[in-house]
Full PDB file with SEQRES, HELIX, SHEET, SSBOND, CRYST1, ORIGX, SCALE, CONECT and MASTER records, all heavy atoms in Angstrom:
SEQRES   1 A   30  LEU ASN ASN HIS MET HIS THR CYS VAL LEU ASN LYS ILE          
SEQRES   2 A   30  GLN ASN GLY GLU THR GLU VAL ILE ASP GLU LEU MET ASP          
SEQRES   3 A   30  THR ILE TYR LYS                                              
HELIX    1 AA1 ASN A    2  HIS A    4  1                                   3    
HELIX    2 AA2 MET A    5  VAL A    9  3                                   5    
HELIX    3 AA3 LEU A   10  GLN A   14  1                                   5    
HELIX    4 AA4 VAL A   20  TYR A   29  1                                  10    
CRYST1    1.000    1.000    1.000  90.00  90.00  90.00 P 1           1          
ORIGX1      1.000000  0.000000  0.000000        0.00000                         
ORIGX2      0.000000  1.000000  0.000000        0.00000                         
ORIGX3      0.000000  0.000000  1.000000        0.00000                         
SCALE1      1.000000  0.000000  0.000000        0.00000                         
SCALE2      0.000000  1.000000  0.000000        0.00000                         
SCALE3      0.000000  0.000000  1.000000        0.00000                         
ATOM      1  N   LEU A   1       0.827  -1.217   0.001  1.00  0.00           N  
ATOM      2  CA  LEU A   1       0.003  -0.004  -0.001  1.00  0.00           C  
ATOM      3  C   LEU A   1       0.866   1.270  -0.004  1.00  0.00           C  
ATOM      4  O   LEU A   1       0.587   2.218  -0.738  1.00  0.00           O  
ATOM      5  CB  LEU A   1      -0.939  -0.007   1.206  1.00  0.00           C  
ATOM      6  CG  LEU A   1      -1.877   1.190   1.356  1.00  0.00           C  
ATOM      7  CD1 LEU A   1      -2.811   1.307   0.162  1.00  0.00           C  
ATOM      8  CD2 LEU A   1      -2.666   1.080   2.642  1.00  0.00           C  
ATOM      9  N   ASN A   2       1.906   1.264   0.782  1.00  0.00           N  
ATOM     10  CA  ASN A   2       2.819   2.409   0.835  1.00  0.00           C  
ATOM     11  C   ASN A   2       3.436   2.669  -0.556  1.00  0.00           C  
ATOM     12  O   ASN A   2       3.472   3.781  -1.046  1.00  0.00           O  
ATOM     13  CB  ASN A   2       3.914   2.162   1.873  1.00  0.00           C  
ATOM     14  CG  ASN A   2       4.884   3.318   1.963  1.00  0.00           C  
ATOM     15  OD1 ASN A   2       4.470   4.431   2.220  1.00  0.00           O  
ATOM     16  ND2 ASN A   2       6.153   3.059   1.792  1.00  0.00           N  
ATOM     17  N   ASN A   3       3.908   1.584  -1.182  1.00  0.00           N  
ATOM     18  CA  ASN A   3       4.468   1.735  -2.521  1.00  0.00           C  
ATOM     19  C   ASN A   3       3.426   2.235  -3.510  1.00  0.00           C  
ATOM     20  O   ASN A   3       3.705   3.088  -4.353  1.00  0.00           O  
ATOM     21  CB  ASN A   3       5.037   0.385  -3.009  1.00  0.00           C  
ATOM     22  CG  ASN A   3       6.242  -0.054  -2.213  1.00  0.00           C  
ATOM     23  OD1 ASN A   3       6.896   0.753  -1.566  1.00  0.00           O  
ATOM     24  ND2 ASN A   3       6.546  -1.339  -2.234  1.00  0.00           N  
ATOM     25  N   HIS A   4       2.217   1.694  -3.411  1.00  0.00           N  
ATOM     26  CA  HIS A   4       1.135   2.088  -4.311  1.00  0.00           C  
ATOM     27  C   HIS A   4       0.806   3.573  -4.161  1.00  0.00           C  
ATOM     28  O   HIS A   4       0.653   4.281  -5.167  1.00  0.00           O  
ATOM     29  CB  HIS A   4      -0.116   1.234  -3.995  1.00  0.00           C  
ATOM     30  CG  HIS A   4      -1.307   1.551  -4.810  1.00  0.00           C  
ATOM     31  ND1 HIS A   4      -1.322   1.408  -6.184  1.00  0.00           N  
ATOM     32  CD2 HIS A   4      -2.528   1.987  -4.468  1.00  0.00           C  
ATOM     33  CE1 HIS A   4      -2.520   1.762  -6.649  1.00  0.00           C  
ATOM     34  NE2 HIS A   4      -3.274   2.137  -5.623  1.00  0.00           N  
ATOM     35  N   MET A   5       0.747   4.042  -2.954  1.00  0.00           N  
ATOM     36  CA  MET A   5       0.412   5.440  -2.717  1.00  0.00           C  
ATOM     37  C   MET A   5       1.515   6.377  -3.228  1.00  0.00           C  
ATOM     38  O   MET A   5       1.226   7.468  -3.762  1.00  0.00           O  
ATOM     39  CB  MET A   5       0.148   5.691  -1.237  1.00  0.00           C  
ATOM     40  CG  MET A   5      -1.148   5.035  -0.762  1.00  0.00           C  
ATOM     41  SD  MET A   5      -1.450   5.209   0.983  1.00  0.00           S  
ATOM     42  CE  MET A   5      -1.809   6.934   1.069  1.00  0.00           C  
ATOM     43  N   HIS A   6       2.772   5.971  -3.095  1.00  0.00           N  
ATOM     44  CA  HIS A   6       3.886   6.832  -3.508  1.00  0.00           C  
ATOM     45  C   HIS A   6       4.173   6.774  -5.022  1.00  0.00           C  
ATOM     46  O   HIS A   6       4.958   7.596  -5.521  1.00  0.00           O  
ATOM     47  CB  HIS A   6       5.153   6.462  -2.731  1.00  0.00           C  
ATOM     48  CG  HIS A   6       5.147   6.994  -1.344  1.00  0.00           C  
ATOM     49  ND1 HIS A   6       4.727   6.259  -0.269  1.00  0.00           N  
ATOM     50  CD2 HIS A   6       5.463   8.217  -0.854  1.00  0.00           C  
ATOM     51  CE1 HIS A   6       4.790   6.993   0.821  1.00  0.00           C  
ATOM     52  NE2 HIS A   6       5.254   8.186   0.491  1.00  0.00           N  
ATOM     53  N   THR A   7       3.565   5.805  -5.698  1.00  0.00           N  
ATOM     54  CA  THR A   7       3.795   5.717  -7.140  1.00  0.00           C  
ATOM     55  C   THR A   7       2.472   5.907  -7.893  1.00  0.00           C  
ATOM     56  O   THR A   7       2.184   6.984  -8.385  1.00  0.00           O  
ATOM     57  CB  THR A   7       4.469   4.389  -7.538  1.00  0.00           C  
ATOM     58  OG1 THR A   7       3.645   3.290  -7.045  1.00  0.00           O  
ATOM     59  CG2 THR A   7       5.860   4.283  -6.974  1.00  0.00           C  
ATOM     60  N   CYS A   8       1.691   4.885  -7.907  1.00  0.00           N  
ATOM     61  CA  CYS A   8       0.454   4.860  -8.745  1.00  0.00           C  
ATOM     62  C   CYS A   8      -0.500   6.008  -8.339  1.00  0.00           C  
ATOM     63  O   CYS A   8      -0.927   6.783  -9.204  1.00  0.00           O  
ATOM     64  CB  CYS A   8      -0.259   3.540  -8.547  1.00  0.00           C  
ATOM     65  SG  CYS A   8       0.746   2.094  -8.958  1.00  0.00           S  
ATOM     66  N   VAL A   9      -0.830   6.106  -7.072  1.00  0.00           N  
ATOM     67  CA  VAL A   9      -1.795   7.101  -6.627  1.00  0.00           C  
ATOM     68  C   VAL A   9      -1.252   8.501  -6.846  1.00  0.00           C  
ATOM     69  O   VAL A   9      -1.950   9.378  -7.409  1.00  0.00           O  
ATOM     70  CB  VAL A   9      -2.188   6.880  -5.142  1.00  0.00           C  
ATOM     71  CG1 VAL A   9      -3.059   8.011  -4.634  1.00  0.00           C  
ATOM     72  CG2 VAL A   9      -2.897   5.522  -4.971  1.00  0.00           C  
ATOM     73  N   LEU A  10      -0.035   8.732  -6.431  1.00  0.00           N  
ATOM     74  CA  LEU A  10       0.580  10.068  -6.604  1.00  0.00           C  
ATOM     75  C   LEU A  10       0.588  10.482  -8.075  1.00  0.00           C  
ATOM     76  O   LEU A  10       0.201  11.606  -8.414  1.00  0.00           O  
ATOM     77  CB  LEU A  10       1.987  10.079  -6.021  1.00  0.00           C  
ATOM     78  CG  LEU A  10       2.766  11.401  -6.144  1.00  0.00           C  
ATOM     79  CD1 LEU A  10       2.065  12.511  -5.370  1.00  0.00           C  
ATOM     80  CD2 LEU A  10       4.190  11.238  -5.655  1.00  0.00           C  
ATOM     81  N   ASN A  11       1.041   9.594  -8.945  1.00  0.00           N  
ATOM     82  CA  ASN A  11       1.113   9.923 -10.365  1.00  0.00           C  
ATOM     83  C   ASN A  11      -0.240  10.205 -10.950  1.00  0.00           C  
ATOM     84  O   ASN A  11      -0.422  11.109 -11.768  1.00  0.00           O  
ATOM     85  CB  ASN A  11       1.822   8.791 -11.143  1.00  0.00           C  
ATOM     86  CG  ASN A  11       3.291   8.733 -10.852  1.00  0.00           C  
ATOM     87  OD1 ASN A  11       3.918   9.723 -10.474  1.00  0.00           O  
ATOM     88  ND2 ASN A  11       3.874   7.571 -11.016  1.00  0.00           N  
ATOM     89  N   LYS A  12      -1.237   9.429 -10.572  1.00  0.00           N  
ATOM     90  CA  LYS A  12      -2.576   9.640 -11.107  1.00  0.00           C  
ATOM     91  C   LYS A  12      -3.169  10.968 -10.617  1.00  0.00           C  
ATOM     92  O   LYS A  12      -3.796  11.690 -11.400  1.00  0.00           O  
ATOM     93  CB  LYS A  12      -3.495   8.481 -10.770  1.00  0.00           C  
ATOM     94  CG  LYS A  12      -3.184   7.260 -11.611  1.00  0.00           C  
ATOM     95  CD  LYS A  12      -4.184   6.166 -11.382  1.00  0.00           C  
ATOM     96  CE  LYS A  12      -3.809   4.990 -12.336  1.00  0.00           C  
ATOM     97  NZ  LYS A  12      -4.936   4.053 -12.462  1.00  0.00           N  
ATOM     98  N   ILE A  13      -2.952  11.294  -9.380  1.00  0.00           N  
ATOM     99  CA  ILE A  13      -3.448  12.593  -8.855  1.00  0.00           C  
ATOM    100  C   ILE A  13      -2.750  13.742  -9.589  1.00  0.00           C  
ATOM    101  O   ILE A  13      -3.380  14.706  -9.989  1.00  0.00           O  
ATOM    102  CB  ILE A  13      -3.255  12.666  -7.330  1.00  0.00           C  
ATOM    103  CG1 ILE A  13      -4.248  11.745  -6.643  1.00  0.00           C  
ATOM    104  CG2 ILE A  13      -3.447  14.141  -6.849  1.00  0.00           C  
ATOM    105  CD1 ILE A  13      -4.017  11.610  -5.145  1.00  0.00           C  
ATOM    106  N   GLN A  14      -1.434  13.626  -9.783  1.00  0.00           N  
ATOM    107  CA  GLN A  14      -0.701  14.635 -10.518  1.00  0.00           C  
ATOM    108  C   GLN A  14      -1.181  14.794 -11.949  1.00  0.00           C  
ATOM    109  O   GLN A  14      -1.073  15.871 -12.536  1.00  0.00           O  
ATOM    110  CB  GLN A  14       0.806  14.335 -10.481  1.00  0.00           C  
ATOM    111  CG  GLN A  14       1.436  14.542  -9.128  1.00  0.00           C  
ATOM    112  CD  GLN A  14       2.875  14.087  -9.062  1.00  0.00           C  
ATOM    113  OE1 GLN A  14       3.317  13.290  -9.850  1.00  0.00           O  
ATOM    114  NE2 GLN A  14       3.593  14.608  -8.086  1.00  0.00           N  
ATOM    115  N   ASN A  15      -1.759  13.725 -12.512  1.00  0.00           N  
ATOM    116  CA  ASN A  15      -2.263  13.761 -13.880  1.00  0.00           C  
ATOM    117  C   ASN A  15      -3.762  14.136 -13.902  1.00  0.00           C  
ATOM    118  O   ASN A  15      -4.413  14.058 -14.922  1.00  0.00           O  
ATOM    119  CB  ASN A  15      -2.076  12.415 -14.575  1.00  0.00           C  
ATOM    120  CG  ASN A  15      -0.655  12.134 -14.918  1.00  0.00           C  
ATOM    121  OD1 ASN A  15       0.135  13.063 -15.117  1.00  0.00           O  
ATOM    122  ND2 ASN A  15      -0.279  10.878 -14.967  1.00  0.00           N  
ATOM    123  N   GLY A  16      -4.288  14.523 -12.716  1.00  0.00           N  
ATOM    124  CA  GLY A  16      -5.674  14.934 -12.648  1.00  0.00           C  
ATOM    125  C   GLY A  16      -6.693  13.795 -12.565  1.00  0.00           C  
ATOM    126  O   GLY A  16      -7.889  14.044 -12.629  1.00  0.00           O  
ATOM    127  N   GLU A  17      -6.218  12.594 -12.384  1.00  0.00           N  
ATOM    128  CA  GLU A  17      -7.113  11.430 -12.300  1.00  0.00           C  
ATOM    129  C   GLU A  17      -7.507  11.183 -10.864  1.00  0.00           C  
ATOM    130  O   GLU A  17      -7.106  10.212 -10.217  1.00  0.00           O  
ATOM    131  CB  GLU A  17      -6.397  10.184 -12.880  1.00  0.00           C  
ATOM    132  CG  GLU A  17      -5.994  10.353 -14.350  1.00  0.00           C  
ATOM    133  CD  GLU A  17      -5.171   9.196 -14.841  1.00  0.00           C  
ATOM    134  OE1 GLU A  17      -5.553   8.036 -14.607  1.00  0.00           O  
ATOM    135  OE2 GLU A  17      -4.093   9.459 -15.440  1.00  0.00           O  
ATOM    136  N   THR A  18      -8.332  12.079 -10.317  1.00  0.00           N  
ATOM    137  CA  THR A  18      -8.671  12.041  -8.890  1.00  0.00           C  
ATOM    138  C   THR A  18      -9.586  10.891  -8.505  1.00  0.00           C  
ATOM    139  O   THR A  18      -9.751  10.599  -7.342  1.00  0.00           O  
ATOM    140  CB  THR A  18      -9.301  13.374  -8.435  1.00  0.00           C  
ATOM    141  OG1 THR A  18     -10.464  13.616  -9.247  1.00  0.00           O  
ATOM    142  CG2 THR A  18      -8.295  14.509  -8.572  1.00  0.00           C  
ATOM    143  N   GLU A  19     -10.177  10.163  -9.496  1.00  0.00           N  
ATOM    144  CA  GLU A  19     -10.988   9.004  -9.174  1.00  0.00           C  
ATOM    145  C   GLU A  19     -10.163   7.898  -8.487  1.00  0.00           C  
ATOM    146  O   GLU A  19     -10.708   7.018  -7.847  1.00  0.00           O  
ATOM    147  CB  GLU A  19     -11.689   8.445 -10.409  1.00  0.00           C  
ATOM    148  CG  GLU A  19     -10.780   7.851 -11.464  1.00  0.00           C  
ATOM    149  CD  GLU A  19     -10.145   8.860 -12.417  1.00  0.00           C  
ATOM    150  OE1 GLU A  19     -10.431  10.066 -12.318  1.00  0.00           O  
ATOM    151  OE2 GLU A  19      -9.341   8.441 -13.255  1.00  0.00           O  
ATOM    152  N   VAL A  20      -8.837   8.014  -8.576  1.00  0.00           N  
ATOM    153  CA  VAL A  20      -7.969   7.072  -7.922  1.00  0.00           C  
ATOM    154  C   VAL A  20      -8.144   7.124  -6.389  1.00  0.00           C  
ATOM    155  O   VAL A  20      -7.907   6.122  -5.712  1.00  0.00           O  
ATOM    156  CB  VAL A  20      -6.499   7.261  -8.317  1.00  0.00           C  
ATOM    157  CG1 VAL A  20      -5.897   8.517  -7.683  1.00  0.00           C  
ATOM    158  CG2 VAL A  20      -5.658   6.062  -7.956  1.00  0.00           C  
ATOM    159  N   ILE A  21      -8.614   8.243  -5.877  1.00  0.00           N  
ATOM    160  CA  ILE A  21      -8.846   8.357  -4.439  1.00  0.00           C  
ATOM    161  C   ILE A  21      -9.955   7.408  -4.025  1.00  0.00           C  
ATOM    162  O   ILE A  21      -9.827   6.739  -2.968  1.00  0.00           O  
ATOM    163  CB  ILE A  21      -9.161   9.807  -4.045  1.00  0.00           C  
ATOM    164  CG1 ILE A  21      -7.931  10.696  -4.304  1.00  0.00           C  
ATOM    165  CG2 ILE A  21      -9.597   9.919  -2.600  1.00  0.00           C  
ATOM    166  CD1 ILE A  21      -8.202  12.190  -4.189  1.00  0.00           C  
ATOM    167  N   ASP A  22     -11.041   7.326  -4.812  1.00  0.00           N  
ATOM    168  CA  ASP A  22     -12.122   6.383  -4.465  1.00  0.00           C  
ATOM    169  C   ASP A  22     -11.615   4.944  -4.516  1.00  0.00           C  
ATOM    170  O   ASP A  22     -11.963   4.130  -3.656  1.00  0.00           O  
ATOM    171  CB  ASP A  22     -13.289   6.556  -5.445  1.00  0.00           C  
ATOM    172  CG  ASP A  22     -13.983   7.913  -5.277  1.00  0.00           C  
ATOM    173  OD1 ASP A  22     -14.006   8.445  -4.140  1.00  0.00           O  
ATOM    174  OD2 ASP A  22     -14.521   8.438  -6.294  1.00  0.00           O  
ATOM    175  N   GLU A  23     -10.812   4.634  -5.516  1.00  0.00           N  
ATOM    176  CA  GLU A  23     -10.233   3.287  -5.632  1.00  0.00           C  
ATOM    177  C   GLU A  23      -9.352   2.990  -4.410  1.00  0.00           C  
ATOM    178  O   GLU A  23      -9.434   1.915  -3.822  1.00  0.00           O  
ATOM    179  CB  GLU A  23      -9.395   3.201  -6.894  1.00  0.00           C  
ATOM    180  CG  GLU A  23      -8.701   1.874  -7.079  1.00  0.00           C  
ATOM    181  CD  GLU A  23      -7.759   1.905  -8.265  1.00  0.00           C  
ATOM    182  OE1 GLU A  23      -6.610   2.378  -8.118  1.00  0.00           O  
ATOM    183  OE2 GLU A  23      -8.189   1.445  -9.358  1.00  0.00           O  
ATOM    184  N   LEU A  24      -8.558   3.977  -3.996  1.00  0.00           N  
ATOM    185  CA  LEU A  24      -7.721   3.800  -2.829  1.00  0.00           C  
ATOM    186  C   LEU A  24      -8.547   3.591  -1.562  1.00  0.00           C  
ATOM    187  O   LEU A  24      -8.225   2.697  -0.742  1.00  0.00           O  
ATOM    188  CB  LEU A  24      -6.800   5.018  -2.645  1.00  0.00           C  
ATOM    189  CG  LEU A  24      -5.889   5.037  -1.419  1.00  0.00           C  
ATOM    190  CD1 LEU A  24      -4.924   3.859  -1.433  1.00  0.00           C  
ATOM    191  CD2 LEU A  24      -5.143   6.332  -1.349  1.00  0.00           C  
ATOM    192  N   MET A  25      -9.589   4.366  -1.394  1.00  0.00           N  
ATOM    193  CA  MET A  25     -10.428   4.206  -0.200  1.00  0.00           C  
ATOM    194  C   MET A  25     -11.116   2.846  -0.196  1.00  0.00           C  
ATOM    195  O   MET A  25     -11.190   2.197   0.868  1.00  0.00           O  
ATOM    196  CB  MET A  25     -11.484   5.329  -0.137  1.00  0.00           C  
ATOM    197  CG  MET A  25     -10.887   6.705   0.163  1.00  0.00           C  
ATOM    198  SD  MET A  25      -9.782   6.737   1.595  1.00  0.00           S  
ATOM    199  CE  MET A  25     -10.857   6.178   2.903  1.00  0.00           C  
ATOM    200  N   ASP A  26     -11.575   2.345  -1.325  1.00  0.00           N  
ATOM    201  CA  ASP A  26     -12.146   0.997  -1.383  1.00  0.00           C  
ATOM    202  C   ASP A  26     -11.121  -0.046  -0.952  1.00  0.00           C  
ATOM    203  O   ASP A  26     -11.440  -0.972  -0.215  1.00  0.00           O  
ATOM    204  CB  ASP A  26     -12.620   0.664  -2.815  1.00  0.00           C  
ATOM    205  CG  ASP A  26     -13.863   1.423  -3.211  1.00  0.00           C  
ATOM    206  OD1 ASP A  26     -14.575   1.968  -2.337  1.00  0.00           O  
ATOM    207  OD2 ASP A  26     -14.136   1.507  -4.430  1.00  0.00           O  
ATOM    208  N   THR A  27      -9.897   0.126  -1.391  1.00  0.00           N  
ATOM    209  CA  THR A  27      -8.822  -0.792  -1.026  1.00  0.00           C  
ATOM    210  C   THR A  27      -8.559  -0.743   0.462  1.00  0.00           C  
ATOM    211  O   THR A  27      -8.425  -1.782   1.136  1.00  0.00           O  
ATOM    212  CB  THR A  27      -7.534  -0.448  -1.818  1.00  0.00           C  
ATOM    213  OG1 THR A  27      -7.810  -0.579  -3.212  1.00  0.00           O  
ATOM    214  CG2 THR A  27      -6.379  -1.373  -1.428  1.00  0.00           C  
ATOM    215  N   ILE A  28      -8.494   0.436   1.031  1.00  0.00           N  
ATOM    216  CA  ILE A  28      -8.250   0.605   2.467  1.00  0.00           C  
ATOM    217  C   ILE A  28      -9.383  -0.023   3.260  1.00  0.00           C  
ATOM    218  O   ILE A  28      -9.136  -0.722   4.256  1.00  0.00           O  
ATOM    219  CB  ILE A  28      -8.051   2.081   2.847  1.00  0.00           C  
ATOM    220  CG1 ILE A  28      -6.700   2.554   2.274  1.00  0.00           C  
ATOM    221  CG2 ILE A  28      -8.092   2.280   4.355  1.00  0.00           C  
ATOM    222  CD1 ILE A  28      -6.463   4.067   2.377  1.00  0.00           C  
ATOM    223  N   TYR A  29     -10.614   0.154   2.833  1.00  0.00           N  
ATOM    224  CA  TYR A  29     -11.752  -0.444   3.524  1.00  0.00           C  
ATOM    225  C   TYR A  29     -11.643  -1.992   3.520  1.00  0.00           C  
ATOM    226  O   TYR A  29     -11.907  -2.621   4.536  1.00  0.00           O  
ATOM    227  CB  TYR A  29     -13.087  -0.047   2.910  1.00  0.00           C  
ATOM    228  CG  TYR A  29     -13.451   1.398   3.131  1.00  0.00           C  
ATOM    229  CD1 TYR A  29     -14.130   2.117   2.133  1.00  0.00           C  
ATOM    230  CD2 TYR A  29     -13.141   2.066   4.302  1.00  0.00           C  
ATOM    231  CE1 TYR A  29     -14.459   3.468   2.313  1.00  0.00           C  
ATOM    232  CE2 TYR A  29     -13.458   3.426   4.488  1.00  0.00           C  
ATOM    233  CZ  TYR A  29     -14.136   4.098   3.482  1.00  0.00           C  
ATOM    234  OH  TYR A  29     -14.447   5.397   3.656  1.00  0.00           O  
ATOM    235  N   LYS A  30     -11.214  -2.543   2.411  1.00  0.00           N  
ATOM    236  CA  LYS A  30     -11.033  -4.004   2.336  1.00  0.00           C  
ATOM    237  C   LYS A  30      -9.939  -4.467   3.301  1.00  0.00           C  
ATOM    238  O   LYS A  30     -10.036  -5.520   3.923  1.00  0.00           O  
ATOM    239  CB  LYS A  30     -10.684  -4.427   0.902  1.00  0.00           C  
ATOM    240  CG  LYS A  30     -11.843  -4.313  -0.051  1.00  0.00           C  
ATOM    241  CD  LYS A  30     -11.418  -4.623  -1.465  1.00  0.00           C  
ATOM    242  CE  LYS A  30     -12.533  -4.333  -2.434  1.00  0.00           C  
ATOM    243  NZ  LYS A  30     -12.101  -4.478  -3.824  1.00  0.00           N  
TER     244      LYS A  30                                                      
MASTER        0    0    0    4    0    0    0    6  243    1    0    3          
END                                                                             
């Protein structure tokens, strides 16, 4: 999860793909 947040999530947010936050929250809930 740490690696995912520092690479995939960060890059997608920087590219304006904020829907990744919902995906991340679903993952955290699981």
